[in-house]
PDB file of N, CA and C in Angstrom:
ATOM      1  N   MET A   1     130.812 261.467 -66.443  1.00  0.00           N
ATOM      2  CA  MET A   1     129.715 262.109 -67.034  1.00  0.00           C
ATOM      3  C   MET A   1     129.927 261.927 -68.737  1.00  0.00           C
ATOM      4  N   VAL A   2     128.682 261.747 -69.326  1.00  0.00           N
ATOM      5  CA  VAL A   2     128.805 261.510 -70.681  1.00  0.00           C
ATOM      6  C   VAL A   2     129.015 262.818 -71.290  1.00  0.00           C
ATOM      7  N   ASN A   3     129.972 263.111 -72.328  1.00  0.00           N
ATOM      8  CA  ASN A   3     130.117 264.293 -73.088  1.00  0.00           C
ATOM      9  C   ASN A   3     129.930 264.178 -74.506  1.00  0.00           C
ATOM     10  N   PRO A   4     128.591 264.248 -75.154  1.00  0.00           N
ATOM     11  CA  PRO A   4     128.399 264.009 -76.358  1.00  0.00           C
ATOM     12  C   PRO A   4     128.950 264.995 -77.359  1.00  0.00           C
ATOM     13  N   GLN A   5     129.397 264.663 -78.574  1.00  0.00           N
ATOM     14  CA  GLN A   5     130.135 265.477 -79.492  1.00  0.00           C
ATOM     15  C   GLN A   5     129.233 265.359 -80.765  1.00  0.00           C
ATOM     16  N   PHE A   6     129.118 266.438 -81.600  1.00  0.00           N
ATOM     17  CA  PHE A   6     128.594 266.516 -82.865  1.00  0.00           C
ATOM     18  C   PHE A   6     129.431 265.862 -84.039  1.00  0.00           C
ATOM     19  N   ILE A   7     128.951 264.779 -84.479  1.00  0.00           N
ATOM     20  CA  ILE A   7     129.856 264.301 -85.623  1.00  0.00           C
ATOM     21  C   ILE A   7     129.423 265.006 -86.903  1.00  0.00           C
ATOM     22  N   GLU A   8     128.287 265.299 -87.290  1.00  0.00           N
ATOM     23  CA  GLU A   8     127.981 265.826 -88.556  1.00  0.00           C
ATOM     24  C   GLU A   8     126.733 266.681 -88.272  1.00  0.00           C
ATOM     25  N   GLN A   9     126.624 268.017 -88.980  1.00  0.00           N
ATOM     26  CA  GLN A   9     125.466 268.729 -88.842  1.00  0.00           C
ATOM     27  C   GLN A   9     124.886 268.968 -90.199  1.00  0.00           C
ATOM     28  N   LYS A  10     123.733 268.629 -90.466  1.00  0.00           N
ATOM     29  CA  LYS A  10     123.154 268.993 -91.768  1.00  0.00           C
ATOM     30  C   LYS A  10     121.673 269.181 -91.488  1.00  0.00           C
ATOM     31  N   PRO A  11     121.059 269.810 -92.461  1.00  0.00           N
ATOM     32  CA  PRO A  11     119.598 270.017 -92.417  1.00  0.00           C
ATOM     33  C   PRO A  11     118.669 268.756 -92.853  1.00  0.00           C
ATOM     34  N   LEU A  12     117.661 268.457 -92.262  1.00  0.00           N
ATOM     35  CA  LEU A  12     116.972 267.328 -92.450  1.00  0.00           C
ATOM     36  C   LEU A  12     115.561 267.771 -92.839  1.00  0.00           C
ATOM     37  N   SER A  13     115.063 267.347 -93.741  1.00  0.00           N
ATOM     38  CA  SER A  13     113.491 267.594 -94.101  1.00  0.00           C
ATOM     39  C   SER A  13     112.698 266.859 -93.063  1.00  0.00           C
ATOM     40  N   LEU A  14     111.355 267.156 -92.957  1.00  0.00           N
ATOM     41  CA  LEU A  14     110.509 266.616 -92.228  1.00  0.00           C
ATOM     42  C   LEU A  14     110.265 264.977 -92.375  1.00  0.00           C
ATOM     43  N   GLY A  15     110.349 264.691 -93.636  1.00  0.00           N
ATOM     44  CA  GLY A  15     110.386 263.189 -93.925  1.00  0.00           C
ATOM     45  C   GLY A  15     111.565 262.475 -93.227  1.00  0.00           C
ATOM     46  N   GLU A  16     112.650 262.968 -93.452  1.00  0.00           N
ATOM     47  CA  GLU A  16     113.804 262.416 -92.700  1.00  0.00           C
ATOM     48  C   GLU A  16     113.791 262.441 -91.090  1.00  0.00           C
ATOM     49  N   VAL A  17     113.174 263.443 -90.815  1.00  0.00           N
ATOM     50  CA  VAL A  17     112.856 263.547 -89.367  1.00  0.00           C
ATOM     51  C   VAL A  17     111.854 262.321 -88.781  1.00  0.00           C
ATOM     52  N   LYS A  18     110.860 262.205 -89.604  1.00  0.00           N
ATOM     53  CA  LYS A  18     109.850 261.115 -89.147  1.00  0.00           C
ATOM     54  C   LYS A  18     110.467 259.706 -89.451  1.00  0.00           C
ATOM     55  N   GLU A  19     111.561 259.573 -90.443  1.00  0.00           N
ATOM     56  CA  GLU A  19     112.127 258.288 -90.410  1.00  0.00           C
ATOM     57  C   GLU A  19     113.030 258.069 -89.220  1.00  0.00           C
ATOM     58  N   VAL A  20     113.719 259.137 -88.897  1.00  0.00           N
ATOM     59  CA  VAL A  20     114.765 258.905 -87.678  1.00  0.00           C
ATOM     60  C   VAL A  20     113.845 258.615 -86.266  1.00  0.00           C
ATOM     61  N   LEU A  21     112.711 259.179 -86.155  1.00  0.00           N
ATOM     62  CA  LEU A  21     111.740 259.089 -85.053  1.00  0.00           C
ATOM     63  C   LEU A  21     111.216 257.564 -85.216  1.00  0.00           C
ATOM     64  N   ALA A  22     110.892 257.151 -86.299  1.00  0.00           N
ATOM     65  CA  ALA A  22     110.364 255.850 -86.395  1.00  0.00           C
ATOM     66  C   ALA A  22     111.444 254.930 -85.818  1.00  0.00           C
ATOM     67  N   LYS A  23     112.761 255.048 -86.467  1.00  0.00           N
ATOM     68  CA  LYS A  23     113.846 254.216 -85.774  1.00  0.00           C
ATOM     69  C   LYS A  23     114.147 254.273 -84.281  1.00  0.00           C
ATOM     70  N   ILE A  24     113.802 255.481 -83.683  1.00  0.00           N
ATOM     71  CA  ILE A  24     113.918 255.702 -82.316  1.00  0.00           C
ATOM     72  C   ILE A  24     112.768 254.873 -81.626  1.00  0.00           C
ATOM     73  N   GLU A  25     111.810 254.998 -82.189  1.00  0.00           N
ATOM     74  CA  GLU A  25     110.627 254.322 -81.541  1.00  0.00           C
ATOM     75  C   GLU A  25     110.667 252.790 -81.559  1.00  0.00           C
ATOM     76  N   LYS A  26     111.240 252.314 -82.687  1.00  0.00           N
ATOM     77  CA  LYS A  26     111.438 250.854 -82.809  1.00  0.00           C
ATOM     78  C   LYS A  26     112.632 250.375 -81.796  1.00  0.00           C
ATOM     79  N   ARG A  27     113.582 251.169 -81.626  1.00  0.00           N
ATOM     80  CA  ARG A  27     114.649 250.853 -80.778  1.00  0.00           C
ATOM     81  C   ARG A  27     114.289 251.053 -79.230  1.00  0.00           C
ATOM     82  N   ASP A  28     113.643 252.036 -78.884  1.00  0.00           N
ATOM     83  CA  ASP A  28     113.236 252.273 -77.468  1.00  0.00           C
ATOM     84  C   ASP A  28     111.779 251.716 -77.229  1.00  0.00           C
ATOM     85  N   THR A  29     111.542 251.272 -76.155  1.00  0.00           N
ATOM     86  CA  THR A  29     110.128 250.844 -75.778  1.00  0.00           C
ATOM     87  C   THR A  29     109.176 251.960 -75.684  1.00  0.00           C
ATOM     88  N   GLN A  30     109.734 253.045 -75.194  1.00  0.00           N
ATOM     89  CA  GLN A  30     108.814 254.205 -74.902  1.00  0.00           C
ATOM     90  C   GLN A  30     109.469 255.584 -75.136  1.00  0.00           C
ATOM     91  N   MET A  31     109.109 256.654 -75.918  1.00  0.00           N
ATOM     92  CA  MET A  31     109.786 257.686 -76.428  1.00  0.00           C
ATOM     93  C   MET A  31     109.390 258.856 -75.266  1.00  0.00           C
ATOM     94  N   ASN A  32     110.407 259.772 -75.144  1.00  0.00           N
ATOM     95  CA  ASN A  32     110.233 260.827 -74.159  1.00  0.00           C
ATOM     96  C   ASN A  32     109.179 261.897 -74.678  1.00  0.00           C
ATOM     97  N   PHE A  33     109.071 262.779 -73.844  1.00  0.00           N
ATOM     98  CA  PHE A  33     107.961 263.918 -74.038  1.00  0.00           C
ATOM     99  C   PHE A  33     108.418 264.683 -75.426  1.00  0.00           C
ATOM    100  N   LEU A  34     109.638 265.049 -75.457  1.00  0.00           N
ATOM    101  CA  LEU A  34     110.068 265.883 -76.601  1.00  0.00           C
ATOM    102  C   LEU A  34     110.060 265.049 -77.884  1.00  0.00           C
ATOM    103  N   SER A  35     110.314 263.799 -77.834  1.00  0.00           N
ATOM    104  CA  SER A  35     110.210 262.891 -78.942  1.00  0.00           C
ATOM    105  C   SER A  35     108.884 262.758 -79.674  1.00  0.00           C
ATOM    106  N   ASN A  36     107.852 262.578 -78.694  1.00  0.00           N
ATOM    107  CA  ASN A  36     106.524 262.328 -78.833  1.00  0.00           C
ATOM    108  C   ASN A  36     105.942 263.671 -79.481  1.00  0.00           C
ATOM    109  N   LYS A  37     106.374 264.972 -79.048  1.00  0.00           N
ATOM    110  CA  LYS A  37     105.885 266.228 -79.564  1.00  0.00           C
ATOM    111  C   LYS A  37     106.343 266.335 -80.982  1.00  0.00           C
ATOM    112  N   ALA A  38     107.632 265.943 -81.095  1.00  0.00           N
ATOM    113  CA  ALA A  38     108.311 266.010 -82.395  1.00  0.00           C
ATOM    114  C   ALA A  38     107.277 265.220 -83.488  1.00  0.00           C
ATOM    115  N   LYS A  39     107.200 263.763 -83.056  1.00  0.00           N
ATOM    116  CA  LYS A  39     106.323 262.879 -83.922  1.00  0.00           C
ATOM    117  C   LYS A  39     105.050 263.589 -84.143  1.00  0.00           C
ATOM    118  N   GLU A  40     104.382 264.092 -83.280  1.00  0.00           N
ATOM    119  CA  GLU A  40     103.018 264.690 -83.414  1.00  0.00           C
ATOM    120  C   GLU A  40     103.236 265.918 -84.572  1.00  0.00           C
ATOM    121  N   TYR A  41     104.192 266.665 -84.409  1.00  0.00           N
ATOM    122  CA  TYR A  41     104.351 268.065 -85.527  1.00  0.00           C
ATOM    123  C   TYR A  41     104.572 267.408 -86.720  1.00  0.00           C
ATOM    124  N   VAL A  42     105.530 266.318 -86.897  1.00  0.00           N
ATOM    125  CA  VAL A  42     105.912 265.936 -88.140  1.00  0.00           C
ATOM    126  C   VAL A  42     104.610 265.185 -88.799  1.00  0.00           C
ATOM    127  N   GLN A  43     103.887 264.548 -88.166  1.00  0.00           N
ATOM    128  CA  GLN A  43     102.717 263.929 -88.837  1.00  0.00           C
ATOM    129  C   GLN A  43     101.522 264.882 -89.168  1.00  0.00           C
ATOM    130  N   THR A  44     101.768 266.308 -88.805  1.00  0.00           N
ATOM    131  CA  THR A  44     100.678 267.172 -89.317  1.00  0.00           C
ATOM    132  C   THR A  44     101.000 267.698 -90.649  1.00  0.00           C
ATOM    133  N   PHE A  45     102.256 267.459 -91.218  1.00  0.00           N
ATOM    134  CA  PHE A  45     102.458 267.691 -92.690  1.00  0.00           C
ATOM    135  C   PHE A  45     102.586 266.475 -93.452  1.00  0.00           C
ATOM    136  N   PRO A  46     101.820 266.518 -94.738  1.00  0.00           N
ATOM    137  CA  PRO A  46     101.824 265.251 -95.703  1.00  0.00           C
ATOM    138  C   PRO A  46     103.239 265.416 -96.404  1.00  0.00           C
ATOM    139  N   PRO A  47     104.195 264.646 -95.988  1.00  0.00           N
ATOM    140  CA  PRO A  47     105.455 264.842 -96.650  1.00  0.00           C
ATOM    141  C   PRO A  47     105.459 263.873 -98.072  1.00  0.00           C
ATOM    142  N   LEU A  48     106.313 264.431 -98.960  1.00  0.00           N
ATOM    143  CA  LEU A  48     106.518 263.713-100.341  1.00  0.00           C
ATOM    144  C   LEU A  48     107.150 262.304-100.045  1.00  0.00           C
ATOM    145  N   SER A  49     107.004 261.448-100.766  1.00  0.00           N
ATOM    146  CA  SER A  49     107.605 260.114-100.638  1.00  0.00           C
ATOM    147  C   SER A  49     109.299 260.214-100.617  1.00  0.00           C
ATOM    148  N   GLU A  50     109.745 259.561-100.183  1.00  0.00           N
ATOM    149  CA  GLU A  50     111.336 259.470-100.291  1.00  0.00           C
ATOM    150  C   GLU A  50     111.993 259.682-101.466  1.00  0.00           C
ATOM    151  N   LYS A  51     111.528 259.110-102.588  1.00  0.00           N
ATOM    152  CA  LYS A  51     111.942 258.975-103.889  1.00  0.00           C
ATOM    153  C   LYS A  51     111.831 260.463-104.491  1.00  0.00           C
ATOM    154  N   LYS A  52     110.385 260.964-104.232  1.00  0.00           N
ATOM    155  CA  LYS A  52     109.987 262.314-104.623  1.00  0.00           C
ATOM    156  C   LYS A  52     110.885 263.364-104.240  1.00  0.00           C
ATOM    157  N   ARG A  53     110.993 263.147-102.741  1.00  0.00           N
ATOM    158  CA  ARG A  53     111.769 264.159-101.983  1.00  0.00           C
ATOM    159  C   ARG A  53     113.484 264.479-102.433  1.00  0.00           C
ATOM    160  N   GLU A  54     113.989 263.147-102.773  1.00  0.00           N
ATOM    161  CA  GLU A  54     115.197 263.295-103.188  1.00  0.00           C
ATOM    162  C   GLU A  54     115.202 263.870-104.619  1.00  0.00           C
ATOM    163  N   GLU A  55     114.373 263.425-105.414  1.00  0.00           N
ATOM    164  CA  GLU A  55     114.377 263.985-106.796  1.00  0.00           C
ATOM    165  C   GLU A  55     114.235 265.386-106.862  1.00  0.00           C
ATOM    166  N   LEU A  56     113.210 265.922-105.887  1.00  0.00           N
ATOM    167  CA  LEU A  56     112.978 267.410-105.916  1.00  0.00           C
ATOM    168  C   LEU A  56     114.005 268.074-105.411  1.00  0.00           C
ATOM    169  N   HIS A  57     114.834 267.717-104.533  1.00  0.00           N
ATOM    170  CA  HIS A  57     115.977 268.257-103.944  1.00  0.00           C
ATOM    171  C   HIS A  57     116.966 268.378-104.830  1.00  0.00           C
ATOM    172  N   LYS A  58     117.301 267.362-105.745  1.00  0.00           N
ATOM    173  CA  LYS A  58     118.189 267.387-106.702  1.00  0.00           C
ATOM    174  C   LYS A  58     117.788 268.383-107.847  1.00  0.00           C
ATOM    175  N   LYS A  59     116.668 268.356-108.436  1.00  0.00           N
ATOM    176  CA  LYS A  59     116.067 269.295-109.151  1.00  0.00           C
ATOM    177  C   LYS A  59     116.377 270.771-108.719  1.00  0.00           C
ATOM    178  N   LEU A  60     116.061 271.048-107.405  1.00  0.00           N
ATOM    179  CA  LEU A  60     116.215 272.589-106.858  1.00  0.00           C
ATOM    180  C   LEU A  60     117.840 272.873-106.851  1.00  0.00           C
ATOM    181  N   ALA A  61     118.433 271.823-106.502  1.00  0.00           N
ATOM    182  CA  ALA A  61     119.819 272.161-106.472  1.00  0.00           C
ATOM    183  C   ALA A  61     120.523 272.255-107.807  1.00  0.00           C
ATOM    184  N   GLU A  62     119.997 271.608-108.669  1.00  0.00           N
ATOM    185  CA  GLU A  62     120.387 271.859-110.381  1.00  0.00           C
ATOM    186  C   GLU A  62     120.298 273.117-110.692  1.00  0.00           C
ATOM    187  N   LEU A  63     119.095 273.899-110.256  1.00  0.00           N
ATOM    188  CA  LEU A  63     118.737 275.195-110.584  1.00  0.00           C
ATOM    189  C   LEU A  63     119.849 276.200-110.790  1.00  0.00           C
ATOM    190  N   GLY A  64     120.921 276.098-109.989  1.00  0.00           N
ATOM    191  CA  GLY A  64     122.010 276.938-109.890  1.00  0.00           C
ATOM    192  C   GLY A  64     121.716 278.211-109.406  1.00  0.00           C
ATOM    193  N   VAL A  65     120.730 278.492-108.382  1.00  0.00           N
ATOM    194  CA  VAL A  65     120.318 279.585-107.724  1.00  0.00           C
ATOM    195  C   VAL A  65     121.484 279.818-106.669  1.00  0.00           C
ATOM    196  N   THR A  66     122.310 280.617-106.764  1.00  0.00           N
ATOM    197  CA  THR A  66     123.607 280.844-105.965  1.00  0.00           C
ATOM    198  C   THR A  66     123.276 280.916-104.500  1.00  0.00           C
ATOM    199  N   ARG A  67     122.206 281.539-104.012  1.00  0.00           N
ATOM    200  CA  ARG A  67     121.948 281.853-102.598  1.00  0.00           C
ATOM    201  C   ARG A  67     121.038 280.745-101.920  1.00  0.00           C
ATOM    202  N   LEU A  68     120.637 279.651-102.758  1.00  0.00           N
ATOM    203  CA  LEU A  68     119.738 278.652-102.355  1.00  0.00           C
ATOM    204  C   LEU A  68     120.591 277.695-101.650  1.00  0.00           C
ATOM    205  N   LYS A  69     120.606 277.642-100.327  1.00  0.00           N
ATOM    206  CA  LYS A  69     121.311 276.765 -99.244  1.00  0.00           C
ATOM    207  C   LYS A  69     120.562 275.572 -99.171  1.00  0.00           C
ATOM    208  N   GLU A  70     121.390 274.641 -98.659  1.00  0.00           N
ATOM    209  CA  GLU A  70     120.660 273.269 -98.274  1.00  0.00           C
ATOM    210  C   GLU A  70     119.639 273.233 -97.416  1.00  0.00           C
ATOM    211  N   GLU A  71     119.723 274.268 -96.304  1.00  0.00           N
ATOM    212  CA  GLU A  71     118.412 274.282 -95.318  1.00  0.00           C
ATOM    213  C   GLU A  71     117.165 274.896 -96.046  1.00  0.00           C
ATOM    214  N   VAL A  72     117.423 275.820 -96.812  1.00  0.00           N
ATOM    215  CA  VAL A  72     116.429 276.310 -97.537  1.00  0.00           C
ATOM    216  C   VAL A  72     115.624 275.282 -98.450  1.00  0.00           C
ATOM    217  N   ILE A  73     116.603 274.527 -99.357  1.00  0.00           N
ATOM    218  CA  ILE A  73     115.992 273.510-100.150  1.00  0.00           C
ATOM    219  C   ILE A  73     115.291 272.505 -99.173  1.00  0.00           C
ATOM    220  N   ALA A  74     115.824 272.101 -98.072  1.00  0.00           N
ATOM    221  CA  ALA A  74     115.111 271.189 -97.215  1.00  0.00           C
ATOM    222  C   ALA A  74     113.656 271.607 -96.851  1.00  0.00           C
ATOM    223  N   LYS A  75     113.629 272.997 -96.411  1.00  0.00           N
ATOM    224  CA  LYS A  75     112.463 273.521 -96.143  1.00  0.00           C
ATOM    225  C   LYS A  75     111.306 273.571 -97.339  1.00  0.00           C
ATOM    226  N   ILE A  76     111.838 274.011 -98.438  1.00  0.00           N
ATOM    227  CA  ILE A  76     110.961 273.814 -99.663  1.00  0.00           C
ATOM    228  C   ILE A  76     110.494 272.649 -99.941  1.00  0.00           C
ATOM    229  N   THR A  77     111.345 271.530 -99.969  1.00  0.00           N
ATOM    230  CA  THR A  77     110.779 270.176 -99.945  1.00  0.00           C
ATOM    231  C   THR A  77     109.812 269.822 -98.761  1.00  0.00           C
ATOM    232  N   ASP A  78     109.930 270.360 -97.739  1.00  0.00           N
ATOM    233  CA  ASP A  78     108.950 270.171 -96.563  1.00  0.00           C
ATOM    234  C   ASP A  78     107.508 270.843 -96.988  1.00  0.00           C
ATOM    235  N   PHE A  79     107.508 271.869 -97.131  1.00  0.00           N
ATOM    236  CA  PHE A  79     106.133 272.626 -97.298  1.00  0.00           C
ATOM    237  C   PHE A  79     105.598 272.635 -98.700  1.00  0.00           C
ATOM    238  N   VAL A  80     106.512 272.408 -99.685  1.00  0.00           N
ATOM    239  CA  VAL A  80     106.157 272.192-101.112  1.00  0.00           C
ATOM    240  C   VAL A  80     105.177 273.506-101.604  1.00  0.00           C
ATOM    241  N   PRO A  81     105.672 274.616-101.736  1.00  0.00           N
ATOM    242  CA  PRO A  81     104.954 275.806-102.103  1.00  0.00           C
ATOM    243  C   PRO A  81     104.322 275.632-103.502  1.00  0.00           C
ATOM    244  N   LYS A  82     102.939 276.117-103.510  1.00  0.00           N
ATOM    245  CA  LYS A  82     102.276 276.146-104.730  1.00  0.00           C
ATOM    246  C   LYS A  82     102.349 277.148-105.462  1.00  0.00           C
ATOM    247  N   ASP A  83     102.623 278.573-104.768  1.00  0.00           N
ATOM    248  CA  ASP A  83     102.817 279.851-105.652  1.00  0.00           C
ATOM    249  C   ASP A  83     103.907 280.467-104.977  1.00  0.00           C
ATOM    250  N   ILE A  84     104.085 281.667-105.621  1.00  0.00           N
ATOM    251  CA  ILE A  84     105.203 282.529-105.113  1.00  0.00           C
ATOM    252  C   ILE A  84     105.211 283.052-103.763  1.00  0.00           C
ATOM    253  N   ASN A  85     103.818 283.306-103.375  1.00  0.00           N
ATOM    254  CA  ASN A  85     103.553 283.825-101.967  1.00  0.00           C
ATOM    255  C   ASN A  85     103.953 282.852-100.975  1.00  0.00           C
ATOM    256  N   GLU A  86     103.590 281.627-101.231  1.00  0.00           N
ATOM    257  CA  GLU A  86     103.943 280.466-100.303  1.00  0.00           C
ATOM    258  C   GLU A  86     105.467 280.318-100.177  1.00  0.00           C
ATOM    259  N   LEU A  87     106.239 280.435-101.309  1.00  0.00           N
ATOM    260  CA  LEU A  87     107.685 280.312-101.386  1.00  0.00           C
ATOM    261  C   LEU A  87     108.329 281.622-100.513  1.00  0.00           C
ATOM    262  N   LYS A  88     107.610 282.745-100.534  1.00  0.00           N
ATOM    263  CA  LYS A  88     108.115 284.011 -99.774  1.00  0.00           C
ATOM    264  C   LYS A  88     107.915 283.736 -98.235  1.00  0.00           C
ATOM    265  N   VAL A  89     106.857 283.149 -97.978  1.00  0.00           N
ATOM    266  CA  VAL A  89     106.491 282.839 -96.545  1.00  0.00           C
ATOM    267  C   VAL A  89     107.680 281.844 -95.979  1.00  0.00           C
ATOM    268  N   ILE A  90     108.024 280.786 -96.744  1.00  0.00           N
ATOM    269  CA  ILE A  90     109.174 279.930 -96.397  1.00  0.00           C
ATOM    270  C   ILE A  90     110.466 280.380 -96.283  1.00  0.00           C
ATOM    271  N   THR A  91     110.598 281.359 -97.313  1.00  0.00           N
ATOM    272  CA  THR A  91     112.253 282.026 -97.457  1.00  0.00           C
ATOM    273  C   THR A  91     112.340 283.149 -96.429  1.00  0.00           C
ATOM    274  N   GLN A  92     111.372 283.861 -95.951  1.00  0.00           N
ATOM    275  CA  GLN A  92     111.527 285.009 -95.240  1.00  0.00           C
ATOM    276  C   GLN A  92     112.116 284.711 -93.928  1.00  0.00           C
ATOM    277  N   ALA A  93     112.285 283.458 -93.493  1.00  0.00           N
ATOM    278  CA  ALA A  93     112.909 283.130 -92.148  1.00  0.00           C
ATOM    279  C   ALA A  93     114.495 283.165 -92.160  1.00  0.00           C
ATOM    280  N   TYR A  94     115.003 283.012 -93.565  1.00  0.00           N
ATOM    281  CA  TYR A  94     116.299 283.237 -93.911  1.00  0.00           C
ATOM    282  C   TYR A  94     116.610 284.556 -94.577  1.00  0.00           C
ATOM    283  N   THR A  95     117.857 284.901 -94.391  1.00  0.00           N
ATOM    284  CA  THR A  95     118.502 286.153 -95.142  1.00  0.00           C
ATOM    285  C   THR A  95     118.715 285.943 -96.513  1.00  0.00           C
ATOM    286  N   LEU A  96     117.644 285.802 -97.192  1.00  0.00           N
ATOM    287  CA  LEU A  96     117.780 285.222 -98.743  1.00  0.00           C
ATOM    288  C   LEU A  96     116.782 286.234 -99.409  1.00  0.00           C
ATOM    289  N   THR A  97     117.358 286.559-100.511  1.00  0.00           N
ATOM    290  CA  THR A  97     116.623 287.471-101.546  1.00  0.00           C
ATOM    291  C   THR A  97     116.666 286.822-102.904  1.00  0.00           C
ATOM    292  N   LEU A  98     115.536 286.470-103.358  1.00  0.00           N
ATOM    293  CA  LEU A  98     115.536 285.820-104.728  1.00  0.00           C
ATOM    294  C   LEU A  98     115.005 286.675-105.871  1.00  0.00           C
ATOM    295  N   SER A  99     115.326 286.552-106.876  1.00  0.00           N
ATOM    296  CA  SER A  99     114.821 287.348-108.086  1.00  0.00           C
ATOM    297  C   SER A  99     113.489 286.829-108.522  1.00  0.00           C
ATOM    298  N   LYS A 100     112.696 287.616-109.135  1.00  0.00           N
ATOM    299  CA  LYS A 100     111.495 287.041-109.658  1.00  0.00           C
ATOM    300  C   LYS A 100     111.584 285.792-110.487  1.00  0.00           C
ATOM    301  N   LYS A 101     112.795 285.814-111.295  1.00  0.00           N
ATOM    302  CA  LYS A 101     112.928 284.848-112.202  1.00  0.00           C
ATOM    303  C   LYS A 101     113.426 283.451-111.454  1.00  0.00           C
ATOM    304  N   ASP A 102     114.136 283.624-110.525  1.00  0.00           N
ATOM    305  CA  ASP A 102     114.515 282.477-109.491  1.00  0.00           C
ATOM    306  C   ASP A 102     113.159 281.998-108.914  1.00  0.00           C
ATOM    307  N   GLN A 103     112.411 282.845-108.406  1.00  0.00           N
ATOM    308  CA  GLN A 103     111.212 282.400-107.709  1.00  0.00           C
ATOM    309  C   GLN A 103     110.460 281.560-108.565  1.00  0.00           C
ATOM    310  N   ASP A 104     110.111 282.166-109.856  1.00  0.00           N
ATOM    311  CA  ASP A 104     109.352 281.382-110.775  1.00  0.00           C
ATOM    312  C   ASP A 104     109.820 280.206-111.210  1.00  0.00           C
ATOM    313  N   SER A 105     111.224 279.868-111.286  1.00  0.00           N
ATOM    314  CA  SER A 105     111.742 278.718-111.555  1.00  0.00           C
ATOM    315  C   SER A 105     111.533 277.741-110.464  1.00  0.00           C
ATOM    316  N   ILE A 106     111.605 278.142-109.166  1.00  0.00           N
ATOM    317  CA  ILE A 106     111.727 277.111-108.032  1.00  0.00           C
ATOM    318  C   ILE A 106     110.432 276.664-107.999  1.00  0.00           C
ATOM    319  N   VAL A 107     109.324 277.502-108.173  1.00  0.00           N
ATOM    320  CA  VAL A 107     107.818 277.257-108.064  1.00  0.00           C
ATOM    321  C   VAL A 107     107.381 276.380-109.180  1.00  0.00           C
ATOM    322  N   GLU A 108     107.926 276.669-110.533  1.00  0.00           N
ATOM    323  CA  GLU A 108     107.858 275.697-111.633  1.00  0.00           C
ATOM    324  C   GLU A 108     108.431 274.193-111.301  1.00  0.00           C
ATOM    325  N   VAL A 109     109.352 274.200-110.726  1.00  0.00           N
ATOM    326  CA  VAL A 109     109.929 272.922-110.473  1.00  0.00           C
ATOM    327  C   VAL A 109     109.100 272.113-109.308  1.00  0.00           C
ATOM    328  N   VAL A 110     108.712 272.707-108.182  1.00  0.00           N
ATOM    329  CA  VAL A 110     107.900 272.356-107.314  1.00  0.00           C
ATOM    330  C   VAL A 110     106.579 271.872-107.818  1.00  0.00           C
ATOM    331  N   SER A 111     105.866 272.801-108.707  1.00  0.00           N
ATOM    332  CA  SER A 111     104.513 272.376-109.166  1.00  0.00           C
ATOM    333  C   SER A 111     104.679 271.099-110.022  1.00  0.00           C
ATOM    334  N   LYS A 112     105.617 270.834-110.694  1.00  0.00           N
ATOM    335  CA  LYS A 112     105.602 269.567-111.144  1.00  0.00           C
ATOM    336  C   LYS A 112     105.609 268.223-110.384  1.00  0.00           C
ATOM    337  N   PHE A 113     106.052 268.352-109.183  1.00  0.00           N
ATOM    338  CA  PHE A 113     106.033 267.267-108.144  1.00  0.00           C
ATOM    339  C   PHE A 113     104.870 267.176-107.480  1.00  0.00           C
ATOM    340  N   VAL A 114     104.019 268.224-107.468  1.00  0.00           N
ATOM    341  CA  VAL A 114     102.785 268.317-106.716  1.00  0.00           C
ATOM    342  C   VAL A 114     101.858 267.632-107.449  1.00  0.00           C
ATOM    343  N   LYS A 115     101.669 267.810-108.969  1.00  0.00           N
ATOM    344  CA  LYS A 115     101.075 267.281-109.870  1.00  0.00           C
ATOM    345  C   LYS A 115     101.047 265.748-109.989  1.00  0.00           C
ATOM    346  N   GLU A 116     102.231 265.208-109.928  1.00  0.00           N
ATOM    347  CA  GLU A 116     102.608 263.763-109.939  1.00  0.00           C
ATOM    348  C   GLU A 116     101.931 262.950-108.728  1.00  0.00           C
TER     349      GLU A 116
END
């Protein structure tokens, strides 16, 4: 019996998941039920282009917010919050408290990418 092992574990943004699913779809002739459901879910969100997503990720990491982890940054790049209330909705799933100043700086950085 095959015993798969994890090689690496890292958070993926929805755009990266979409790319992985496209590779799987190319490789396999027919996707299974869960892969099709994941593909449907990913297509409901308008992701940023790969270049913008990477640039936004880099800018958020450079902010220096100590409690902002990779998985939270990935979710911010997925949902691109336009104001502080949307940011709070995204971050409430994590044990994360951000100061008003940090929230403002995150929304400011994200808003620059929405306008472009």
